[in-house]
Amino acid sequence: MKNLIALLAAAGIASAANADVLANWTFEVSVPLDAGPHAAEGGINGGDATGFHADSAAVYSNPVGNGSLESFSSNTWQANDYYQFTTSTVGYQDITFQWSQTRSSTGPGDFRVQYSTDGLSFTDLLNYTIDAITWSSVSFNPDSVFGPIALPSDADDQATIYVRLTSNVAGSSTAGTNRVDDIFINGTLIPAPGALALVGLSGLVAARRRRN
């Protein structure tokens, strides 16, 4: 059992090391002054970031990020308002999502991560809470980083996936803000047909050589 756990851990490390960035938002170029869409600044496939608030009076802004000059921020939060991020995962598997998030003292702090492959039906992945941590443009705070979390396998090899950070509650004041930064959607290449068989064969040959 210990050997199996060690092998699985090693495989996980290798998978993370081999992951490609499919889409990345820093908001340094696509400065968010409205609900978007805001194009990803990085990543192989790119994508869009958008915001949704039921109250049309919500204001979007770009205060300092987590160790950077810009972030994606908004106020007038109600339950089920969200930030959404989309990209393509065609040719990729083992999709992960990572982000930084903070709030003001009166902004909502109870959120959930949701994902979808059609933009209509969303599945909840986890609930999480956000502390009111002050961000600085010159100092990165790892306490504001969430993830990476793994998306289910049906997010693999999709023309478009949708990931939402959805508030479970309203802010305690309409002026209360919540902001995000440094969004990463990563994945690993799906092996070409026969590649796994070749890997398995090479492993078998190596094992036989060690026995000899």
N, C-alpha and C. Protein backbone atom coordinates (compact mmCIF):
# COMPACT_ATOMS: atom_id res chain seq x y z
N MET A 1 0.83 -1.21 0.00
CA MET A 1 0.00 0.00 0.00
C MET A 1 0.87 1.26 0.00
N LYS A 2 1.95 1.26 0.80
CA LYS A 2 2.82 2.43 0.83
C LYS A 2 3.44 2.69 -0.53
N ASN A 3 3.83 1.59 -1.24
CA ASN A 3 4.40 1.75 -2.57
C ASN A 3 3.39 2.33 -3.54
N LEU A 4 2.12 1.89 -3.42
CA LEU A 4 1.06 2.39 -4.30
C LEU A 4 0.83 3.88 -4.05
N ILE A 5 0.77 4.27 -2.77
CA ILE A 5 0.58 5.69 -2.44
C ILE A 5 1.73 6.52 -2.99
N ALA A 6 2.95 6.01 -2.87
CA ALA A 6 4.11 6.74 -3.38
C ALA A 6 4.03 6.90 -4.89
N LEU A 7 3.60 5.85 -5.58
CA LEU A 7 3.48 5.92 -7.03
C LEU A 7 2.42 6.92 -7.46
N LEU A 8 1.26 6.91 -6.75
CA LEU A 8 0.19 7.85 -7.08
C LEU A 8 0.64 9.29 -6.82
N ALA A 9 1.35 9.51 -5.73
CA ALA A 9 1.84 10.85 -5.42
C ALA A 9 2.82 11.32 -6.50
N ALA A 10 3.71 10.42 -6.91
CA ALA A 10 4.67 10.77 -7.96
C ALA A 10 3.97 11.08 -9.26
N ALA A 11 2.92 10.32 -9.58
CA ALA A 11 2.17 10.57 -10.80
C ALA A 11 1.49 11.91 -10.75
N GLY A 12 0.98 12.29 -9.57
CA GLY A 12 0.33 13.59 -9.42
C GLY A 12 1.30 14.72 -9.61
N ILE A 13 2.51 14.58 -9.04
CA ILE A 13 3.53 15.60 -9.19
C ILE A 13 3.94 15.73 -10.65
N ALA A 14 4.09 14.58 -11.32
CA ALA A 14 4.48 14.62 -12.73
C ALA A 14 3.41 15.28 -13.57
N SER A 15 2.13 14.97 -13.27
CA SER A 15 1.03 15.56 -14.02
C SER A 15 1.01 17.07 -13.87
N ALA A 16 1.20 17.56 -12.62
CA ALA A 16 1.21 19.00 -12.38
C ALA A 16 2.39 19.65 -13.09
N ALA A 17 3.53 18.98 -13.07
CA ALA A 17 4.72 19.54 -13.69
C ALA A 17 4.56 19.64 -15.20
N ASN A 18 3.79 18.72 -15.80
CA ASN A 18 3.62 18.68 -17.24
C ASN A 18 2.40 19.46 -17.70
N ALA A 19 1.69 20.12 -16.80
CA ALA A 19 0.47 20.83 -17.16
C ALA A 19 0.80 22.07 -17.99
N ASP A 20 -0.10 22.35 -18.92
CA ASP A 20 -0.01 23.56 -19.73
C ASP A 20 -1.07 24.56 -19.25
N VAL A 21 -0.76 25.83 -19.36
CA VAL A 21 -1.73 26.87 -19.04
C VAL A 21 -2.64 27.05 -20.26
N LEU A 22 -3.91 26.73 -20.08
CA LEU A 22 -4.87 26.89 -21.17
C LEU A 22 -5.40 28.32 -21.23
N ALA A 23 -5.61 28.93 -20.08
CA ALA A 23 -6.06 30.32 -20.01
C ALA A 23 -5.61 30.93 -18.69
N ASN A 24 -5.22 32.19 -18.74
CA ASN A 24 -4.73 32.89 -17.55
C ASN A 24 -5.13 34.35 -17.62
N TRP A 25 -5.76 34.82 -16.54
CA TRP A 25 -6.15 36.22 -16.45
C TRP A 25 -5.36 36.89 -15.33
N THR A 26 -4.69 37.99 -15.66
CA THR A 26 -4.03 38.81 -14.66
C THR A 26 -4.70 40.18 -14.55
N PHE A 27 -5.48 40.53 -15.58
CA PHE A 27 -6.22 41.81 -15.67
C PHE A 27 -5.29 43.01 -15.79
N GLU A 28 -4.02 42.75 -16.08
CA GLU A 28 -3.09 43.86 -16.27
C GLU A 28 -3.26 44.49 -17.66
N VAL A 29 -3.69 43.71 -18.63
CA VAL A 29 -3.91 44.22 -19.99
C VAL A 29 -5.40 44.41 -20.25
N SER A 30 -6.17 43.37 -19.96
CA SER A 30 -7.63 43.46 -20.14
C SER A 30 -8.23 44.05 -18.87
N VAL A 31 -7.95 45.33 -18.63
CA VAL A 31 -8.35 46.00 -17.38
C VAL A 31 -9.88 46.02 -17.28
N PRO A 32 -10.45 45.43 -16.23
CA PRO A 32 -11.91 45.26 -16.15
C PRO A 32 -12.63 46.46 -15.55
N LEU A 33 -13.19 47.28 -16.41
CA LEU A 33 -13.97 48.43 -15.96
C LEU A 33 -15.47 48.17 -16.10
N ASP A 34 -15.83 47.00 -16.57
CA ASP A 34 -17.24 46.63 -16.70
C ASP A 34 -17.36 45.11 -16.53
N ALA A 35 -18.53 44.55 -16.83
CA ALA A 35 -18.77 43.12 -16.63
C ALA A 35 -18.05 42.23 -17.63
N GLY A 36 -17.48 42.81 -18.65
CA GLY A 36 -16.76 42.03 -19.64
C GLY A 36 -17.59 41.70 -20.87
N PRO A 37 -17.09 40.83 -21.73
CA PRO A 37 -15.99 39.89 -21.49
C PRO A 37 -14.60 40.52 -21.54
N HIS A 38 -13.71 39.94 -20.71
CA HIS A 38 -12.32 40.36 -20.65
C HIS A 38 -11.45 39.19 -21.11
N ALA A 39 -10.66 39.43 -22.15
CA ALA A 39 -9.86 38.35 -22.73
C ALA A 39 -8.73 37.93 -21.81
N ALA A 40 -8.45 36.64 -21.81
CA ALA A 40 -7.30 36.12 -21.05
C ALA A 40 -6.02 36.70 -21.62
N GLU A 41 -5.10 37.10 -20.76
CA GLU A 41 -3.82 37.63 -21.21
C GLU A 41 -2.84 36.52 -21.58
N GLY A 42 -3.06 35.33 -21.07
CA GLY A 42 -2.13 34.25 -21.32
C GLY A 42 -2.84 32.93 -21.53
N GLY A 43 -2.05 31.92 -21.90
CA GLY A 43 -2.61 30.58 -22.08
C GLY A 43 -2.67 30.18 -23.54
N ILE A 44 -2.63 28.88 -23.77
CA ILE A 44 -2.62 28.33 -25.12
C ILE A 44 -3.92 28.62 -25.86
N ASN A 45 -5.04 28.49 -25.16
CA ASN A 45 -6.35 28.60 -25.81
C ASN A 45 -7.05 29.92 -25.56
N GLY A 46 -6.60 30.68 -24.55
CA GLY A 46 -7.28 31.93 -24.24
C GLY A 46 -8.68 31.68 -23.70
N GLY A 47 -9.45 32.75 -23.57
CA GLY A 47 -10.80 32.63 -23.03
C GLY A 47 -11.31 33.98 -22.60
N ASP A 48 -12.46 33.97 -21.94
CA ASP A 48 -13.10 35.21 -21.50
C ASP A 48 -13.48 35.15 -20.03
N ALA A 49 -13.37 36.29 -19.37
CA ALA A 49 -13.84 36.46 -18.00
C ALA A 49 -15.00 37.44 -18.01
N THR A 50 -16.06 37.11 -17.29
CA THR A 50 -17.23 37.98 -17.20
C THR A 50 -17.73 38.01 -15.77
N GLY A 51 -18.53 39.01 -15.48
CA GLY A 51 -19.19 39.10 -14.19
C GLY A 51 -20.68 39.20 -14.38
N PHE A 52 -21.42 38.76 -13.37
CA PHE A 52 -22.88 38.88 -13.41
C PHE A 52 -23.39 39.32 -12.05
N HIS A 53 -24.24 40.36 -12.06
CA HIS A 53 -24.94 40.81 -10.87
C HIS A 53 -26.41 41.00 -11.22
N ALA A 54 -27.27 40.50 -10.36
CA ALA A 54 -28.70 40.67 -10.59
C ALA A 54 -29.11 42.14 -10.53
N ASP A 55 -28.42 42.90 -9.71
CA ASP A 55 -28.70 44.33 -9.57
C ASP A 55 -27.89 45.11 -10.61
N SER A 56 -28.57 45.78 -11.52
CA SER A 56 -27.89 46.51 -12.59
C SER A 56 -27.09 47.70 -12.06
N ALA A 57 -27.26 48.03 -10.80
CA ALA A 57 -26.51 49.15 -10.21
C ALA A 57 -25.09 48.74 -9.81
N ALA A 58 -24.77 47.46 -9.94
CA ALA A 58 -23.43 47.00 -9.57
C ALA A 58 -22.36 47.73 -10.37
N VAL A 59 -21.27 48.06 -9.71
CA VAL A 59 -20.16 48.76 -10.34
C VAL A 59 -18.94 47.84 -10.37
N TYR A 60 -18.34 47.73 -11.56
CA TYR A 60 -17.11 46.94 -11.73
C TYR A 60 -15.91 47.89 -11.72
N SER A 61 -14.81 47.41 -11.13
CA SER A 61 -13.63 48.27 -11.01
C SER A 61 -12.36 47.43 -11.02
N ASN A 62 -11.22 48.10 -10.94
CA ASN A 62 -9.93 47.43 -11.08
C ASN A 62 -8.94 47.89 -10.00
N PRO A 63 -9.24 47.63 -8.71
CA PRO A 63 -8.28 47.97 -7.66
C PRO A 63 -7.04 47.08 -7.74
N VAL A 64 -6.08 47.31 -6.86
CA VAL A 64 -4.83 46.54 -6.92
C VAL A 64 -5.12 45.05 -6.77
N GLY A 65 -4.28 44.26 -7.44
CA GLY A 65 -4.41 42.82 -7.38
C GLY A 65 -3.54 42.23 -6.28
N ASN A 66 -3.38 40.92 -6.35
CA ASN A 66 -2.57 40.22 -5.36
C ASN A 66 -1.10 40.26 -5.80
N GLY A 67 -0.44 41.37 -5.43
CA GLY A 67 0.94 41.59 -5.85
C GLY A 67 1.05 42.18 -7.24
N SER A 68 -0.01 42.81 -7.72
CA SER A 68 -0.02 43.42 -9.05
C SER A 68 -0.88 44.68 -9.01
N LEU A 69 -0.94 45.36 -10.15
CA LEU A 69 -1.63 46.64 -10.19
C LEU A 69 -3.14 46.52 -10.39
N GLU A 70 -3.60 45.40 -10.98
CA GLU A 70 -5.00 45.30 -11.37
C GLU A 70 -5.67 44.03 -10.84
N SER A 71 -7.00 44.10 -10.68
CA SER A 71 -7.80 42.93 -10.34
C SER A 71 -9.19 43.14 -10.93
N PHE A 72 -10.06 42.17 -10.79
CA PHE A 72 -11.45 42.23 -11.26
C PHE A 72 -12.33 42.32 -10.02
N SER A 73 -12.96 43.47 -9.81
CA SER A 73 -13.70 43.72 -8.58
C SER A 73 -15.09 44.25 -8.89
N SER A 74 -16.03 44.03 -7.97
CA SER A 74 -17.39 44.57 -8.13
C SER A 74 -18.07 44.66 -6.78
N ASN A 75 -19.15 45.45 -6.74
CA ASN A 75 -19.92 45.61 -5.51
C ASN A 75 -21.38 45.23 -5.74
N THR A 76 -22.25 45.55 -4.78
CA THR A 76 -23.69 45.28 -4.87
C THR A 76 -23.95 43.79 -5.08
N TRP A 77 -23.36 42.98 -4.21
CA TRP A 77 -23.46 41.52 -4.33
C TRP A 77 -24.76 40.99 -3.72
N GLN A 78 -25.40 40.11 -4.49
CA GLN A 78 -26.52 39.33 -4.00
C GLN A 78 -26.20 37.85 -4.14
N ALA A 79 -26.95 37.02 -3.46
CA ALA A 79 -26.74 35.57 -3.60
C ALA A 79 -26.91 35.17 -5.06
N ASN A 80 -26.01 34.31 -5.53
CA ASN A 80 -25.99 33.76 -6.89
C ASN A 80 -25.38 34.70 -7.94
N ASP A 81 -24.87 35.86 -7.53
CA ASP A 81 -24.03 36.64 -8.43
C ASP A 81 -22.70 35.92 -8.58
N TYR A 82 -21.99 36.16 -9.70
CA TYR A 82 -20.79 35.36 -9.93
C TYR A 82 -19.78 36.05 -10.85
N TYR A 83 -18.55 35.51 -10.81
CA TYR A 83 -17.54 35.71 -11.84
C TYR A 83 -17.46 34.41 -12.64
N GLN A 84 -17.31 34.52 -13.96
CA GLN A 84 -17.26 33.33 -14.82
C GLN A 84 -16.05 33.38 -15.74
N PHE A 85 -15.44 32.20 -15.96
CA PHE A 85 -14.25 32.07 -16.79
C PHE A 85 -14.46 30.92 -17.77
N THR A 86 -14.17 31.17 -19.04
CA THR A 86 -14.37 30.15 -20.07
C THR A 86 -13.09 29.94 -20.87
N THR A 87 -12.91 28.71 -21.33
CA THR A 87 -11.81 28.39 -22.23
C THR A 87 -12.13 27.07 -22.92
N SER A 88 -11.29 26.70 -23.87
CA SER A 88 -11.39 25.40 -24.53
C SER A 88 -10.41 24.42 -23.89
N THR A 89 -10.84 23.16 -23.78
CA THR A 89 -9.94 22.12 -23.28
C THR A 89 -9.70 21.04 -24.34
N VAL A 90 -10.00 21.33 -25.60
CA VAL A 90 -9.83 20.36 -26.68
C VAL A 90 -8.39 19.85 -26.69
N GLY A 91 -8.24 18.53 -26.64
CA GLY A 91 -6.93 17.91 -26.64
C GLY A 91 -6.27 17.82 -25.28
N TYR A 92 -6.99 18.26 -24.23
CA TYR A 92 -6.40 18.28 -22.88
C TYR A 92 -7.29 17.55 -21.88
N GLN A 93 -6.65 17.05 -20.84
CA GLN A 93 -7.33 16.35 -19.75
C GLN A 93 -6.75 16.84 -18.42
N ASP A 94 -7.27 16.26 -17.32
CA ASP A 94 -6.78 16.61 -15.97
C ASP A 94 -6.83 18.13 -15.77
N ILE A 95 -7.99 18.71 -16.02
CA ILE A 95 -8.14 20.16 -15.98
C ILE A 95 -8.18 20.64 -14.53
N THR A 96 -7.45 21.71 -14.24
CA THR A 96 -7.44 22.29 -12.90
C THR A 96 -7.74 23.78 -12.97
N PHE A 97 -8.18 24.31 -11.83
CA PHE A 97 -8.55 25.72 -11.73
C PHE A 97 -7.93 26.30 -10.47
N GLN A 98 -7.30 27.47 -10.61
CA GLN A 98 -6.66 28.14 -9.48
C GLN A 98 -6.93 29.63 -9.57
N TRP A 99 -7.05 30.30 -8.40
CA TRP A 99 -7.37 31.73 -8.41
C TRP A 99 -6.98 32.37 -7.09
N SER A 100 -6.90 33.71 -7.11
CA SER A 100 -6.76 34.51 -5.90
C SER A 100 -8.05 35.29 -5.69
N GLN A 101 -8.46 35.45 -4.43
CA GLN A 101 -9.71 36.16 -4.16
C GLN A 101 -9.67 36.78 -2.77
N THR A 102 -10.23 37.97 -2.67
CA THR A 102 -10.38 38.62 -1.38
C THR A 102 -11.65 39.47 -1.40
N ARG A 103 -11.94 40.13 -0.29
CA ARG A 103 -13.16 40.93 -0.19
C ARG A 103 -12.92 42.10 0.74
N SER A 104 -13.84 43.06 0.70
CA SER A 104 -13.83 44.12 1.69
C SER A 104 -14.53 43.61 2.94
N SER A 105 -14.53 44.39 4.00
CA SER A 105 -15.13 43.95 5.26
C SER A 105 -16.63 43.72 5.13
N THR A 106 -17.28 44.35 4.15
CA THR A 106 -18.72 44.19 3.98
C THR A 106 -19.08 43.43 2.70
N GLY A 107 -18.06 42.91 2.02
CA GLY A 107 -18.31 42.11 0.84
C GLY A 107 -18.63 40.67 1.21
N PRO A 108 -19.24 39.90 0.30
CA PRO A 108 -19.60 38.52 0.60
C PRO A 108 -18.36 37.64 0.77
N GLY A 109 -18.43 36.71 1.72
CA GLY A 109 -17.29 35.84 1.98
C GLY A 109 -17.60 34.36 1.86
N ASP A 110 -18.80 34.02 1.40
CA ASP A 110 -19.22 32.62 1.29
C ASP A 110 -19.52 32.32 -0.17
N PHE A 111 -18.67 31.52 -0.81
CA PHE A 111 -18.75 31.25 -2.25
C PHE A 111 -18.76 29.76 -2.54
N ARG A 112 -19.06 29.43 -3.78
CA ARG A 112 -18.92 28.06 -4.27
C ARG A 112 -18.32 28.08 -5.67
N VAL A 113 -17.56 27.04 -6.01
CA VAL A 113 -17.04 26.86 -7.36
C VAL A 113 -18.01 25.96 -8.12
N GLN A 114 -18.38 26.40 -9.33
CA GLN A 114 -19.26 25.63 -10.19
C GLN A 114 -18.59 25.47 -11.56
N TYR A 115 -18.98 24.40 -12.26
CA TYR A 115 -18.47 24.25 -13.62
C TYR A 115 -19.57 23.71 -14.51
N SER A 116 -19.39 23.92 -15.81
CA SER A 116 -20.37 23.45 -16.79
C SER A 116 -19.65 23.20 -18.12
N THR A 117 -20.21 22.32 -18.93
CA THR A 117 -19.69 22.11 -20.27
C THR A 117 -20.63 22.68 -21.33
N ASP A 118 -21.78 23.23 -20.91
CA ASP A 118 -22.71 23.82 -21.88
C ASP A 118 -23.13 25.24 -21.53
N GLY A 119 -22.72 25.74 -20.37
CA GLY A 119 -23.07 27.10 -19.97
C GLY A 119 -24.48 27.24 -19.45
N LEU A 120 -25.20 26.12 -19.34
CA LEU A 120 -26.59 26.15 -18.88
C LEU A 120 -26.78 25.39 -17.58
N SER A 121 -26.26 24.18 -17.54
CA SER A 121 -26.39 23.33 -16.35
C SER A 121 -25.05 23.32 -15.62
N PHE A 122 -25.05 23.82 -14.37
CA PHE A 122 -23.81 23.93 -13.60
C PHE A 122 -23.81 22.95 -12.43
N THR A 123 -22.64 22.41 -12.16
CA THR A 123 -22.43 21.48 -11.06
C THR A 123 -21.58 22.15 -9.99
N ASP A 124 -21.99 22.05 -8.73
CA ASP A 124 -21.20 22.59 -7.62
C ASP A 124 -20.03 21.67 -7.33
N LEU A 125 -18.84 22.25 -7.20
CA LEU A 125 -17.65 21.48 -6.88
C LEU A 125 -17.25 21.60 -5.41
N LEU A 126 -17.31 22.80 -4.87
CA LEU A 126 -16.96 22.98 -3.46
C LEU A 126 -17.44 24.33 -2.97
N ASN A 127 -17.64 24.42 -1.66
CA ASN A 127 -17.93 25.68 -1.00
C ASN A 127 -16.67 26.15 -0.28
N TYR A 128 -16.47 27.46 -0.21
CA TYR A 128 -15.28 27.97 0.45
C TYR A 128 -15.57 29.36 1.01
N THR A 129 -14.74 29.80 1.93
CA THR A 129 -14.92 31.11 2.54
C THR A 129 -13.70 31.99 2.24
N ILE A 130 -13.94 33.28 2.19
CA ILE A 130 -12.92 34.25 1.84
C ILE A 130 -12.71 35.21 3.00
N ASP A 131 -11.47 35.38 3.41
CA ASP A 131 -11.14 36.37 4.43
C ASP A 131 -10.95 37.75 3.79
N ALA A 132 -11.17 38.78 4.57
CA ALA A 132 -10.96 40.15 4.10
C ALA A 132 -9.47 40.48 4.27
N ILE A 133 -8.68 40.10 3.27
CA ILE A 133 -7.23 40.30 3.28
C ILE A 133 -6.90 41.49 2.40
N THR A 134 -6.14 42.42 2.92
CA THR A 134 -5.74 43.59 2.15
C THR A 134 -4.66 43.22 1.15
N TRP A 135 -4.90 43.53 -0.11
CA TRP A 135 -3.90 43.25 -1.15
C TRP A 135 -3.01 44.46 -1.38
N SER A 136 -1.78 44.16 -1.79
CA SER A 136 -0.80 45.19 -2.12
C SER A 136 -0.33 44.97 -3.55
N SER A 137 -0.06 46.04 -4.26
CA SER A 137 0.42 45.92 -5.63
C SER A 137 1.86 45.41 -5.70
N VAL A 138 2.58 45.45 -4.58
CA VAL A 138 3.99 45.08 -4.59
C VAL A 138 4.28 43.84 -3.74
N SER A 139 3.27 43.30 -3.09
CA SER A 139 3.49 42.15 -2.19
C SER A 139 2.43 41.08 -2.43
N PHE A 140 2.85 39.91 -2.88
CA PHE A 140 1.95 38.79 -3.14
C PHE A 140 1.61 38.09 -1.82
N ASN A 141 0.32 37.82 -1.60
CA ASN A 141 -0.11 37.14 -0.37
C ASN A 141 -0.63 35.75 -0.70
N PRO A 142 0.10 34.68 -0.36
CA PRO A 142 -0.35 33.32 -0.68
C PRO A 142 -1.61 32.91 0.07
N ASP A 143 -1.96 33.63 1.14
CA ASP A 143 -3.18 33.28 1.89
C ASP A 143 -4.44 33.58 1.09
N SER A 144 -4.32 34.32 0.01
CA SER A 144 -5.47 34.63 -0.83
C SER A 144 -5.61 33.67 -2.01
N VAL A 145 -4.72 32.69 -2.12
CA VAL A 145 -4.74 31.76 -3.26
C VAL A 145 -5.60 30.54 -2.93
N PHE A 146 -6.45 30.17 -3.87
CA PHE A 146 -7.30 28.99 -3.73
C PHE A 146 -6.97 28.01 -4.85
N GLY A 147 -6.95 26.71 -4.50
CA GLY A 147 -6.65 25.70 -5.50
C GLY A 147 -5.15 25.46 -5.61
N PRO A 148 -4.75 24.72 -6.67
CA PRO A 148 -5.61 24.30 -7.77
C PRO A 148 -6.58 23.17 -7.37
N ILE A 149 -7.79 23.23 -7.94
CA ILE A 149 -8.75 22.16 -7.74
C ILE A 149 -8.95 21.44 -9.06
N ALA A 150 -9.21 20.15 -8.98
CA ALA A 150 -9.40 19.35 -10.19
C ALA A 150 -10.86 19.40 -10.64
N LEU A 151 -11.07 19.63 -11.91
CA LEU A 151 -12.41 19.54 -12.48
C LEU A 151 -12.69 18.10 -12.84
N PRO A 152 -13.96 17.68 -12.82
CA PRO A 152 -14.31 16.31 -13.20
C PRO A 152 -13.87 15.98 -14.62
N SER A 153 -13.78 14.69 -14.91
CA SER A 153 -13.24 14.24 -16.19
C SER A 153 -14.09 14.67 -17.38
N ASP A 154 -15.37 14.99 -17.16
CA ASP A 154 -16.17 15.41 -18.32
C ASP A 154 -15.83 16.82 -18.76
N ALA A 155 -14.93 17.49 -18.05
CA ALA A 155 -14.42 18.78 -18.51
C ALA A 155 -13.25 18.61 -19.49
N ASP A 156 -12.77 17.37 -19.63
CA ASP A 156 -11.67 17.09 -20.55
C ASP A 156 -12.15 17.21 -22.00
N ASP A 157 -11.28 17.69 -22.88
CA ASP A 157 -11.49 17.64 -24.33
C ASP A 157 -12.82 18.27 -24.76
N GLN A 158 -13.11 19.43 -24.21
CA GLN A 158 -14.37 20.13 -24.52
C GLN A 158 -14.10 21.41 -25.32
N ALA A 159 -15.02 21.72 -26.22
CA ALA A 159 -14.89 22.95 -27.00
C ALA A 159 -14.90 24.17 -26.09
N THR A 160 -15.73 24.14 -25.06
CA THR A 160 -15.79 25.23 -24.10
C THR A 160 -16.16 24.68 -22.73
N ILE A 161 -15.45 25.12 -21.70
CA ILE A 161 -15.88 24.85 -20.33
C ILE A 161 -16.13 26.19 -19.64
N TYR A 162 -16.96 26.15 -18.62
CA TYR A 162 -17.34 27.35 -17.87
C TYR A 162 -17.07 27.08 -16.40
N VAL A 163 -16.33 27.97 -15.75
CA VAL A 163 -16.08 27.86 -14.32
C VAL A 163 -16.59 29.15 -13.67
N ARG A 164 -17.40 28.99 -12.63
CA ARG A 164 -17.96 30.15 -11.93
C ARG A 164 -17.53 30.18 -10.47
N LEU A 165 -17.29 31.38 -9.99
CA LEU A 165 -17.14 31.64 -8.56
C LEU A 165 -18.41 32.37 -8.15
N THR A 166 -19.30 31.65 -7.50
CA THR A 166 -20.67 32.12 -7.25
C THR A 166 -20.88 32.40 -5.77
N SER A 167 -21.40 33.58 -5.47
CA SER A 167 -21.64 33.94 -4.08
C SER A 167 -22.87 33.22 -3.54
N ASN A 168 -22.75 32.69 -2.34
CA ASN A 168 -23.89 32.06 -1.66
C ASN A 168 -24.72 33.06 -0.89
N VAL A 169 -24.18 34.25 -0.67
CA VAL A 169 -24.82 35.24 0.19
C VAL A 169 -24.70 36.63 -0.43
N ALA A 170 -25.48 37.56 0.08
CA ALA A 170 -25.33 38.96 -0.29
C ALA A 170 -24.26 39.60 0.58
N GLY A 171 -23.69 40.69 0.13
CA GLY A 171 -22.80 41.46 0.98
C GLY A 171 -23.60 42.12 2.09
N SER A 172 -22.93 42.45 3.18
CA SER A 172 -23.63 43.11 4.28
C SER A 172 -23.89 44.58 3.99
N SER A 173 -23.32 45.08 2.89
CA SER A 173 -23.56 46.44 2.42
C SER A 173 -23.47 46.42 0.90
N THR A 174 -24.28 47.26 0.25
CA THR A 174 -24.21 47.31 -1.22
C THR A 174 -22.84 47.79 -1.69
N ALA A 175 -22.14 48.53 -0.85
CA ALA A 175 -20.81 49.02 -1.20
C ALA A 175 -19.73 47.95 -1.03
N GLY A 176 -20.08 46.84 -0.39
CA GLY A 176 -19.11 45.78 -0.15
C GLY A 176 -18.62 45.17 -1.46
N THR A 177 -17.31 44.96 -1.55
CA THR A 177 -16.71 44.45 -2.79
C THR A 177 -16.12 43.06 -2.60
N ASN A 178 -15.96 42.39 -3.74
CA ASN A 178 -15.25 41.12 -3.80
C ASN A 178 -14.42 41.17 -5.08
N ARG A 179 -13.16 40.72 -4.99
CA ARG A 179 -12.31 40.81 -6.17
C ARG A 179 -11.49 39.54 -6.38
N VAL A 180 -11.13 39.30 -7.64
CA VAL A 180 -10.36 38.12 -8.02
C VAL A 180 -9.16 38.55 -8.86
N ASP A 181 -8.17 37.67 -8.91
CA ASP A 181 -6.95 37.94 -9.67
C ASP A 181 -6.25 36.62 -9.95
N ASP A 182 -5.32 36.65 -10.90
CA ASP A 182 -4.44 35.50 -11.19
C ASP A 182 -5.22 34.20 -11.36
N ILE A 183 -6.09 34.18 -12.35
CA ILE A 183 -6.90 33.00 -12.65
C ILE A 183 -6.13 32.09 -13.59
N PHE A 184 -6.03 30.81 -13.25
CA PHE A 184 -5.35 29.83 -14.10
C PHE A 184 -6.27 28.64 -14.36
N ILE A 185 -6.44 28.30 -15.63
CA ILE A 185 -7.05 27.03 -16.02
C ILE A 185 -5.97 26.23 -16.74
N ASN A 186 -5.57 25.11 -16.15
CA ASN A 186 -4.48 24.29 -16.67
C ASN A 186 -4.98 22.92 -17.10
N GLY A 187 -4.18 22.25 -17.92
CA GLY A 187 -4.51 20.89 -18.34
C GLY A 187 -3.28 20.20 -18.89
N THR A 188 -3.35 18.88 -19.03
CA THR A 188 -2.26 18.11 -19.62
C THR A 188 -2.73 17.50 -20.94
N LEU A 189 -1.81 17.39 -21.88
CA LEU A 189 -2.15 16.85 -23.19
C LEU A 189 -2.68 15.42 -23.08
N ILE A 190 -3.73 15.14 -23.83
CA ILE A 190 -4.23 13.77 -23.91
C ILE A 190 -3.23 12.97 -24.74
N PRO A 191 -2.73 11.85 -24.24
CA PRO A 191 -1.73 11.08 -24.99
C PRO A 191 -2.28 10.62 -26.33
N ALA A 192 -1.41 10.61 -27.33
CA ALA A 192 -1.80 10.11 -28.65
C ALA A 192 -2.10 8.62 -28.55
N PRO A 193 -2.98 8.10 -29.42
CA PRO A 193 -3.28 6.66 -29.39
C PRO A 193 -2.01 5.82 -29.47
N GLY A 194 -1.89 4.86 -28.56
CA GLY A 194 -0.71 4.00 -28.53
C GLY A 194 0.40 4.51 -27.64
N ALA A 195 0.33 5.78 -27.22
CA ALA A 195 1.41 6.33 -26.40
C ALA A 195 1.48 5.63 -25.05
N LEU A 196 0.31 5.36 -24.42
CA LEU A 196 0.31 4.70 -23.12
C LEU A 196 0.87 3.29 -23.23
N ALA A 197 0.54 2.62 -24.33
CA ALA A 197 1.07 1.27 -24.51
C ALA A 197 2.58 1.29 -24.62
N LEU A 198 3.13 2.30 -25.33
CA LEU A 198 4.58 2.41 -25.47
C LEU A 198 5.23 2.70 -24.13
N VAL A 199 4.57 3.57 -23.33
CA VAL A 199 5.10 3.87 -22.00
C VAL A 199 5.12 2.62 -21.14
N GLY A 200 4.03 1.85 -21.20
CA GLY A 200 3.97 0.62 -20.43
C GLY A 200 5.02 -0.38 -20.86
N LEU A 201 5.25 -0.48 -22.16
CA LEU A 201 6.26 -1.41 -22.69
C LEU A 201 7.65 -1.00 -22.25
N SER A 202 7.95 0.30 -22.30
CA SER A 202 9.27 0.75 -21.89
C SER A 202 9.49 0.49 -20.41
N GLY A 203 8.43 0.63 -19.61
CA GLY A 203 8.54 0.35 -18.19
C GLY A 203 8.81 -1.13 -17.93
N LEU A 204 8.14 -1.99 -18.71
CA LEU A 204 8.35 -3.42 -18.57
C LEU A 204 9.77 -3.81 -18.94
N VAL A 205 10.29 -3.23 -20.02
CA VAL A 205 11.66 -3.52 -20.44
C VAL A 205 12.64 -3.07 -19.36
N ALA A 206 12.41 -1.89 -18.79
CA ALA A 206 13.30 -1.38 -17.75
C ALA A 206 13.28 -2.28 -16.53
N ALA A 207 12.09 -2.78 -16.16
CA ALA A 207 11.98 -3.66 -15.01
C ALA A 207 12.73 -4.96 -15.23
N ARG A 208 12.64 -5.49 -16.43
CA ARG A 208 13.36 -6.75 -16.74
C ARG A 208 14.87 -6.54 -16.68
N ARG A 209 15.31 -5.36 -17.16
CA ARG A 209 16.74 -5.07 -17.12
C ARG A 209 17.24 -4.99 -15.68
N ARG A 210 16.42 -4.40 -14.80
CA ARG A 210 16.83 -4.30 -13.40
C ARG A 210 16.92 -5.68 -12.76
N ARG A 211 16.00 -6.59 -13.14
CA ARG A 211 16.06 -7.95 -12.57
C ARG A 211 17.28 -8.71 -13.06
N ASN A 212 17.70 -8.36 -14.27
CA ASN A 212 18.87 -9.06 -14.82
C ASN A 212 20.18 -8.44 -14.32
